[in-house]
């Protein structure tokens, strides 16, 4: 076989190998970029939801202060917090965020039980602390 033909086959194999390597590299880079975008979107969702929860905690505090005037307002604030916690819990697999969500769920459940048992002025400190922790772990 002539030398020019051998060089042509060798060049073809080298080109194929380089093309395959480039495709693998491009795929890995694209996957990494998408993972980074997804992580950033999840963090943003967490921050936005934590901010909504902070607003609901403020509403809850105001509702407890006005419990004599409107006893259902506290329940509406607690329901809003529950809804936002579900949103965060469904979107993350982060251990710290899940723990903060669990702690806030427990604090909300305790306030709900206290109100149901007739105490219109429950201690909201555990709710505030848990909401603060959630905000802290959600912050990128």
N, C-alpha and C. Protein backbone atom coordinates (compact mmCIF):
# COMPACT_ATOMS: atom_id res chain seq x y z
N UNK A 1 0.85 -1.17 0.00
CA UNK A 1 0.00 0.00 0.00
C UNK A 1 0.90 1.23 0.00
N UNK A 2 0.57 2.22 -0.80
CA UNK A 2 1.39 3.43 -0.89
C UNK A 2 1.37 4.19 0.43
N UNK A 3 2.44 4.90 0.72
CA UNK A 3 2.59 5.66 1.96
C UNK A 3 1.53 6.74 2.09
N UNK A 4 1.13 7.35 0.99
CA UNK A 4 0.13 8.42 1.06
C UNK A 4 -1.22 7.89 1.55
N UNK A 5 -1.53 6.68 1.17
CA UNK A 5 -2.80 6.08 1.58
C UNK A 5 -2.78 5.77 3.08
N UNK A 6 -1.63 5.28 3.61
CA UNK A 6 -1.51 4.99 5.03
C UNK A 6 -1.65 6.27 5.85
N UNK A 7 -1.05 7.35 5.39
CA UNK A 7 -1.16 8.63 6.09
C UNK A 7 -2.61 9.11 6.10
N UNK A 8 -3.33 8.91 5.02
CA UNK A 8 -4.72 9.32 4.92
C UNK A 8 -5.58 8.56 5.92
N UNK A 9 -5.39 7.25 6.04
CA UNK A 9 -6.15 6.46 7.02
C UNK A 9 -5.82 6.90 8.44
N UNK A 10 -4.53 7.13 8.70
CA UNK A 10 -4.09 7.55 10.02
C UNK A 10 -4.70 8.92 10.37
N UNK A 11 -4.71 9.82 9.37
CA UNK A 11 -5.30 11.14 9.58
C UNK A 11 -6.80 11.02 9.85
N UNK A 12 -7.49 10.11 9.19
CA UNK A 12 -8.92 9.90 9.38
C UNK A 12 -9.22 9.40 10.79
N UNK A 13 -8.42 8.48 11.29
CA UNK A 13 -8.61 7.98 12.65
C UNK A 13 -8.34 9.08 13.67
N UNK A 14 -7.31 9.85 13.44
CA UNK A 14 -6.98 10.94 14.35
C UNK A 14 -8.10 11.97 14.37
N UNK A 15 -8.63 12.31 13.22
CA UNK A 15 -9.73 13.27 13.13
C UNK A 15 -10.96 12.74 13.87
N UNK A 16 -11.27 11.46 13.69
CA UNK A 16 -12.42 10.86 14.36
C UNK A 16 -12.22 10.89 15.87
N UNK A 17 -11.04 10.54 16.33
CA UNK A 17 -10.75 10.54 17.77
C UNK A 17 -10.85 11.95 18.34
N UNK A 18 -10.31 12.93 17.63
CA UNK A 18 -10.38 14.32 18.09
C UNK A 18 -11.82 14.82 18.12
N UNK A 19 -12.59 14.45 17.12
CA UNK A 19 -13.99 14.86 17.08
C UNK A 19 -14.76 14.25 18.25
N UNK A 20 -14.52 12.97 18.51
CA UNK A 20 -15.20 12.31 19.63
C UNK A 20 -14.81 12.95 20.96
N UNK A 21 -13.54 13.25 21.13
CA UNK A 21 -13.08 13.90 22.35
C UNK A 21 -13.72 15.28 22.51
N UNK A 22 -13.80 16.02 21.43
CA UNK A 22 -14.42 17.34 21.48
C UNK A 22 -15.89 17.25 21.85
N UNK A 23 -16.59 16.26 21.30
CA UNK A 23 -18.01 16.09 21.62
C UNK A 23 -18.21 15.74 23.09
N UNK A 24 -17.36 14.86 23.63
CA UNK A 24 -17.46 14.49 25.05
C UNK A 24 -17.20 15.72 25.91
N UNK A 25 -16.17 16.47 25.58
CA UNK A 25 -15.84 17.68 26.34
C UNK A 25 -16.98 18.69 26.29
N UNK A 26 -17.56 18.88 25.12
CA UNK A 26 -18.67 19.81 24.96
C UNK A 26 -19.87 19.35 25.78
N UNK A 27 -20.16 18.07 25.75
CA UNK A 27 -21.29 17.53 26.52
C UNK A 27 -21.07 17.74 28.01
N UNK A 28 -19.86 17.45 28.50
CA UNK A 28 -19.57 17.65 29.92
C UNK A 28 -19.67 19.11 30.32
N UNK A 29 -19.16 20.00 29.48
CA UNK A 29 -19.22 21.43 29.77
C UNK A 29 -20.67 21.91 29.80
N UNK A 30 -21.47 21.44 28.85
CA UNK A 30 -22.88 21.84 28.81
C UNK A 30 -23.62 21.32 30.03
N UNK A 31 -23.35 20.09 30.41
CA UNK A 31 -24.00 19.51 31.60
C UNK A 31 -23.63 20.29 32.84
N UNK A 32 -22.35 20.63 32.98
CA UNK A 32 -21.91 21.39 34.15
C UNK A 32 -22.56 22.76 34.17
N UNK A 33 -22.67 23.40 33.03
CA UNK A 33 -23.31 24.72 32.96
C UNK A 33 -24.78 24.62 33.34
N UNK A 34 -25.46 23.60 32.85
CA UNK A 34 -26.88 23.41 33.19
C UNK A 34 -27.04 23.14 34.67
N UNK A 35 -26.15 22.32 35.25
CA UNK A 35 -26.21 22.05 36.68
C UNK A 35 -26.04 23.34 37.47
N UNK A 36 -25.13 24.20 37.04
CA UNK A 36 -24.90 25.47 37.73
C UNK A 36 -26.14 26.37 37.62
N UNK A 37 -26.76 26.41 36.46
CA UNK A 37 -27.97 27.22 36.28
C UNK A 37 -29.10 26.66 37.14
N UNK A 38 -29.27 25.34 37.15
CA UNK A 38 -30.31 24.73 37.98
C UNK A 38 -30.08 25.01 39.45
N UNK A 39 -28.83 24.93 39.91
CA UNK A 39 -28.51 25.22 41.31
C UNK A 39 -28.82 26.67 41.63
N UNK A 40 -28.48 27.58 40.72
CA UNK A 40 -28.77 29.00 40.94
C UNK A 40 -30.27 29.25 40.98
N UNK A 41 -31.03 28.59 40.10
CA UNK A 41 -32.49 28.74 40.09
C UNK A 41 -33.10 28.22 41.38
N UNK A 42 -32.61 27.07 41.86
CA UNK A 42 -33.11 26.51 43.12
C UNK A 42 -32.81 27.45 44.28
N UNK A 43 -31.60 28.01 44.30
CA UNK A 43 -31.23 28.94 45.37
C UNK A 43 -32.12 30.17 45.33
N UNK A 44 -32.37 30.68 44.12
CA UNK A 44 -33.23 31.85 43.99
C UNK A 44 -34.65 31.54 44.45
N UNK A 45 -35.18 30.36 44.06
CA UNK A 45 -36.50 29.94 44.52
C UNK A 45 -36.54 29.86 46.04
N UNK A 46 -35.49 29.31 46.63
CA UNK A 46 -35.42 29.19 48.09
C UNK A 46 -35.44 30.56 48.75
N UNK A 47 -34.63 31.47 48.23
CA UNK A 47 -34.56 32.82 48.80
C UNK A 47 -35.92 33.52 48.68
N UNK A 48 -36.53 33.41 47.51
CA UNK A 48 -37.83 34.07 47.31
C UNK A 48 -38.89 33.48 48.23
N UNK A 49 -38.90 32.17 48.37
CA UNK A 49 -39.89 31.53 49.23
C UNK A 49 -39.61 31.85 50.69
N UNK A 50 -38.34 31.86 51.09
CA UNK A 50 -37.99 32.23 52.47
C UNK A 50 -38.43 33.65 52.75
N UNK A 51 -38.31 34.53 51.76
CA UNK A 51 -38.76 35.91 51.92
C UNK A 51 -40.29 35.95 52.10
N UNK A 52 -41.00 35.13 51.35
CA UNK A 52 -42.45 35.05 51.51
C UNK A 52 -42.82 34.55 52.90
N UNK A 53 -42.05 33.58 53.38
CA UNK A 53 -42.30 33.05 54.73
C UNK A 53 -42.07 34.13 55.77
N UNK A 54 -41.01 34.91 55.59
CA UNK A 54 -40.73 36.00 56.53
C UNK A 54 -41.92 36.97 56.57
N UNK A 55 -42.49 37.26 55.41
CA UNK A 55 -43.68 38.12 55.37
C UNK A 55 -44.85 37.47 56.09
N UNK A 56 -45.02 36.15 55.91
CA UNK A 56 -46.10 35.44 56.58
C UNK A 56 -45.90 35.41 58.09
N UNK A 57 -44.64 35.31 58.52
CA UNK A 57 -44.35 35.34 59.96
C UNK A 57 -44.71 36.71 60.53
N UNK A 58 -44.41 37.77 59.79
CA UNK A 58 -44.81 39.11 60.23
C UNK A 58 -46.33 39.22 60.30
N UNK A 59 -47.01 38.65 59.29
CA UNK A 59 -48.48 38.65 59.30
C UNK A 59 -49.01 37.88 60.51
N UNK A 60 -48.35 36.75 60.81
CA UNK A 60 -48.76 35.94 61.95
C UNK A 60 -48.60 36.72 63.25
N UNK A 61 -47.50 37.43 63.38
CA UNK A 61 -47.26 38.23 64.57
C UNK A 61 -48.34 39.29 64.73
N UNK A 62 -48.69 39.92 63.63
CA UNK A 62 -49.75 40.94 63.68
C UNK A 62 -51.10 40.29 63.98
N UNK A 63 -51.34 39.12 63.40
CA UNK A 63 -52.61 38.42 63.63
C UNK A 63 -52.76 38.03 65.09
N UNK A 64 -51.67 37.58 65.70
CA UNK A 64 -51.73 37.20 67.11
C UNK A 64 -51.99 38.43 67.96
N UNK A 65 -51.40 39.56 67.59
CA UNK A 65 -51.64 40.80 68.33
C UNK A 65 -53.10 41.23 68.25
N UNK A 66 -53.76 40.93 67.12
CA UNK A 66 -55.15 41.32 66.91
C UNK A 66 -56.11 40.14 67.02
N UNK A 67 -55.72 39.09 67.75
CA UNK A 67 -56.51 37.86 67.81
C UNK A 67 -57.93 38.10 68.29
N UNK A 68 -58.11 39.03 69.19
CA UNK A 68 -59.46 39.30 69.69
C UNK A 68 -60.36 39.85 68.60
N UNK A 69 -59.79 40.63 67.68
CA UNK A 69 -60.59 41.23 66.61
C UNK A 69 -60.86 40.26 65.46
N UNK A 70 -59.89 39.41 65.12
CA UNK A 70 -60.05 38.51 63.99
C UNK A 70 -59.28 37.20 64.24
N UNK A 71 -59.90 36.24 64.89
CA UNK A 71 -59.20 35.00 65.25
C UNK A 71 -58.81 34.14 64.05
N UNK A 72 -59.43 34.32 62.91
CA UNK A 72 -59.09 33.50 61.74
C UNK A 72 -57.85 33.99 61.00
N UNK A 73 -57.42 35.21 61.28
CA UNK A 73 -56.27 35.78 60.61
C UNK A 73 -54.99 34.98 60.93
N UNK A 74 -54.83 34.53 62.17
CA UNK A 74 -53.65 33.74 62.55
C UNK A 74 -53.64 32.43 61.77
N UNK A 75 -54.79 31.80 61.62
CA UNK A 75 -54.86 30.54 60.88
C UNK A 75 -54.49 30.74 59.41
N UNK A 76 -54.92 31.85 58.84
CA UNK A 76 -54.58 32.15 57.44
C UNK A 76 -53.07 32.36 57.29
N UNK A 77 -52.44 33.03 58.25
CA UNK A 77 -50.99 33.23 58.21
C UNK A 77 -50.26 31.91 58.35
N UNK A 78 -50.73 31.04 59.24
CA UNK A 78 -50.11 29.72 59.41
C UNK A 78 -50.25 28.89 58.14
N UNK A 79 -51.41 28.98 57.51
CA UNK A 79 -51.62 28.23 56.25
C UNK A 79 -50.68 28.74 55.16
N UNK A 80 -50.45 30.04 55.11
CA UNK A 80 -49.54 30.62 54.13
C UNK A 80 -48.11 30.11 54.35
N UNK A 81 -47.69 30.05 55.62
CA UNK A 81 -46.36 29.53 55.93
C UNK A 81 -46.27 28.07 55.50
N UNK A 82 -47.29 27.27 55.84
CA UNK A 82 -47.31 25.85 55.44
C UNK A 82 -47.17 25.69 53.93
N UNK A 83 -47.90 26.48 53.19
CA UNK A 83 -47.86 26.41 51.73
C UNK A 83 -46.45 26.72 51.20
N UNK A 84 -45.84 27.76 51.72
CA UNK A 84 -44.49 28.13 51.28
C UNK A 84 -43.46 27.07 51.68
N UNK A 85 -43.63 26.46 52.83
CA UNK A 85 -42.71 25.41 53.26
C UNK A 85 -42.78 24.21 52.33
N UNK A 86 -43.98 23.88 51.88
CA UNK A 86 -44.14 22.78 50.91
C UNK A 86 -43.39 23.09 49.62
N UNK A 87 -43.47 24.34 49.18
CA UNK A 87 -42.77 24.73 47.95
C UNK A 87 -41.27 24.51 48.08
N UNK A 88 -40.70 24.93 49.19
CA UNK A 88 -39.26 24.76 49.39
C UNK A 88 -38.92 23.28 49.50
N UNK A 89 -39.68 22.56 50.31
CA UNK A 89 -39.40 21.14 50.53
C UNK A 89 -39.46 20.32 49.25
N UNK A 90 -40.35 20.69 48.34
CA UNK A 90 -40.49 19.96 47.08
C UNK A 90 -39.34 20.24 46.11
N UNK A 91 -38.65 21.36 46.28
CA UNK A 91 -37.65 21.78 45.29
C UNK A 91 -36.21 21.52 45.71
N UNK A 92 -35.97 21.00 46.89
CA UNK A 92 -34.58 20.88 47.33
C UNK A 92 -34.28 19.50 47.88
N UNK A 93 -33.00 19.16 47.77
CA UNK A 93 -32.51 17.96 48.43
C UNK A 93 -31.36 18.34 49.36
N UNK A 94 -31.25 19.64 49.66
CA UNK A 94 -30.22 20.15 50.55
C UNK A 94 -30.57 19.82 51.99
N UNK A 95 -29.67 19.17 52.70
CA UNK A 95 -29.92 18.72 54.06
C UNK A 95 -30.19 19.88 55.01
N UNK A 96 -29.41 20.95 54.90
CA UNK A 96 -29.58 22.10 55.79
C UNK A 96 -30.94 22.77 55.57
N UNK A 97 -31.32 22.91 54.31
CA UNK A 97 -32.62 23.53 54.01
C UNK A 97 -33.75 22.65 54.51
N UNK A 98 -33.64 21.34 54.28
CA UNK A 98 -34.69 20.43 54.75
C UNK A 98 -34.82 20.46 56.27
N UNK A 99 -33.69 20.55 56.99
CA UNK A 99 -33.75 20.63 58.45
C UNK A 99 -34.44 21.92 58.89
N UNK A 100 -34.08 23.03 58.24
CA UNK A 100 -34.71 24.32 58.57
C UNK A 100 -36.21 24.28 58.29
N UNK A 101 -36.60 23.64 57.19
CA UNK A 101 -38.02 23.50 56.85
C UNK A 101 -38.72 22.66 57.92
N UNK A 102 -38.10 21.55 58.33
CA UNK A 102 -38.69 20.69 59.37
C UNK A 102 -38.85 21.45 60.68
N UNK A 103 -37.82 22.21 61.06
CA UNK A 103 -37.88 22.98 62.31
C UNK A 103 -39.00 24.01 62.26
N UNK A 104 -39.15 24.68 61.12
CA UNK A 104 -40.20 25.68 60.99
C UNK A 104 -41.58 25.02 60.98
N UNK A 105 -41.68 23.85 60.33
CA UNK A 105 -42.95 23.10 60.37
C UNK A 105 -43.35 22.76 61.80
N UNK A 106 -42.40 22.32 62.61
CA UNK A 106 -42.68 21.98 64.01
C UNK A 106 -43.12 23.21 64.79
N UNK A 107 -42.42 24.31 64.58
CA UNK A 107 -42.76 25.55 65.29
C UNK A 107 -44.16 26.03 64.92
N UNK A 108 -44.50 25.94 63.64
CA UNK A 108 -45.83 26.34 63.18
C UNK A 108 -46.90 25.41 63.77
N UNK A 109 -46.61 24.12 63.78
CA UNK A 109 -47.56 23.15 64.36
C UNK A 109 -47.80 23.44 65.84
N UNK A 110 -46.74 23.80 66.56
CA UNK A 110 -46.89 24.12 67.98
C UNK A 110 -47.75 25.36 68.19
N UNK A 111 -47.55 26.38 67.37
CA UNK A 111 -48.37 27.59 67.47
C UNK A 111 -49.82 27.26 67.15
N UNK A 112 -50.03 26.47 66.11
CA UNK A 112 -51.39 26.09 65.72
C UNK A 112 -52.08 25.35 66.88
N UNK A 113 -51.37 24.42 67.50
CA UNK A 113 -51.92 23.65 68.63
C UNK A 113 -52.22 24.57 69.81
N UNK A 114 -51.31 25.49 70.09
CA UNK A 114 -51.51 26.42 71.20
C UNK A 114 -52.76 27.27 70.98
N UNK A 115 -52.94 27.76 69.76
CA UNK A 115 -54.13 28.57 69.45
C UNK A 115 -55.39 27.71 69.54
N UNK A 116 -55.31 26.49 69.02
CA UNK A 116 -56.46 25.59 69.07
C UNK A 116 -56.86 25.27 70.51
N UNK A 117 -55.88 25.25 71.41
CA UNK A 117 -56.14 24.98 72.82
C UNK A 117 -56.60 26.22 73.58
N UNK A 118 -56.81 27.33 72.87
CA UNK A 118 -57.41 28.50 73.48
C UNK A 118 -56.46 29.63 73.84
N UNK A 119 -55.18 29.46 73.63
CA UNK A 119 -54.23 30.52 73.92
C UNK A 119 -54.11 31.42 72.70
N UNK A 120 -54.63 32.63 72.80
CA UNK A 120 -54.59 33.56 71.68
C UNK A 120 -53.31 34.37 71.62
N UNK A 121 -52.39 34.13 72.55
CA UNK A 121 -51.11 34.85 72.54
C UNK A 121 -49.95 33.84 72.64
N UNK A 122 -49.81 32.98 71.65
CA UNK A 122 -48.73 31.99 71.71
C UNK A 122 -47.36 32.65 71.55
N UNK A 123 -46.35 31.95 72.05
CA UNK A 123 -44.98 32.42 71.90
C UNK A 123 -44.54 32.16 70.46
N UNK A 124 -44.24 33.21 69.73
CA UNK A 124 -43.85 33.09 68.33
C UNK A 124 -42.33 33.04 68.14
N UNK A 125 -41.59 33.09 69.25
CA UNK A 125 -40.13 33.09 69.15
C UNK A 125 -39.59 31.89 68.37
N UNK A 126 -40.08 30.66 68.63
CA UNK A 126 -39.56 29.52 67.85
C UNK A 126 -39.85 29.65 66.34
N UNK A 127 -40.98 30.23 65.99
CA UNK A 127 -41.32 30.44 64.57
C UNK A 127 -40.36 31.46 63.96
N UNK A 128 -40.14 32.55 64.67
CA UNK A 128 -39.23 33.59 64.17
C UNK A 128 -37.81 33.04 64.02
N UNK A 129 -37.36 32.28 65.02
CA UNK A 129 -36.00 31.72 64.97
C UNK A 129 -35.85 30.74 63.81
N UNK A 130 -36.84 29.87 63.64
CA UNK A 130 -36.79 28.88 62.56
C UNK A 130 -36.85 29.56 61.19
N UNK A 131 -37.67 30.61 61.07
CA UNK A 131 -37.75 31.35 59.80
C UNK A 131 -36.42 32.05 59.51
N UNK A 132 -35.79 32.58 60.55
CA UNK A 132 -34.48 33.21 60.38
C UNK A 132 -33.43 32.21 59.93
N UNK A 133 -33.47 31.00 60.50
CA UNK A 133 -32.52 29.95 60.11
C UNK A 133 -32.75 29.54 58.66
N UNK A 134 -34.00 29.43 58.25
CA UNK A 134 -34.32 29.07 56.88
C UNK A 134 -33.78 30.14 55.92
N UNK A 135 -33.97 31.38 56.26
CA UNK A 135 -33.46 32.46 55.42
C UNK A 135 -31.95 32.39 55.32
N UNK A 136 -31.30 32.08 56.44
CA UNK A 136 -29.84 31.99 56.46
C UNK A 136 -29.34 30.85 55.55
N UNK A 137 -29.97 29.68 55.62
CA UNK A 137 -29.48 28.55 54.80
C UNK A 137 -29.88 28.70 53.34
N UNK A 138 -30.89 29.49 53.05
CA UNK A 138 -31.28 29.71 51.66
C UNK A 138 -30.42 30.74 50.96
N UNK A 139 -29.74 31.56 51.72
CA UNK A 139 -28.93 32.61 51.13
C UNK A 139 -27.68 32.00 50.51
N UNK A 140 -27.48 32.23 49.20
CA UNK A 140 -26.33 31.62 48.53
C UNK A 140 -25.00 32.19 48.98
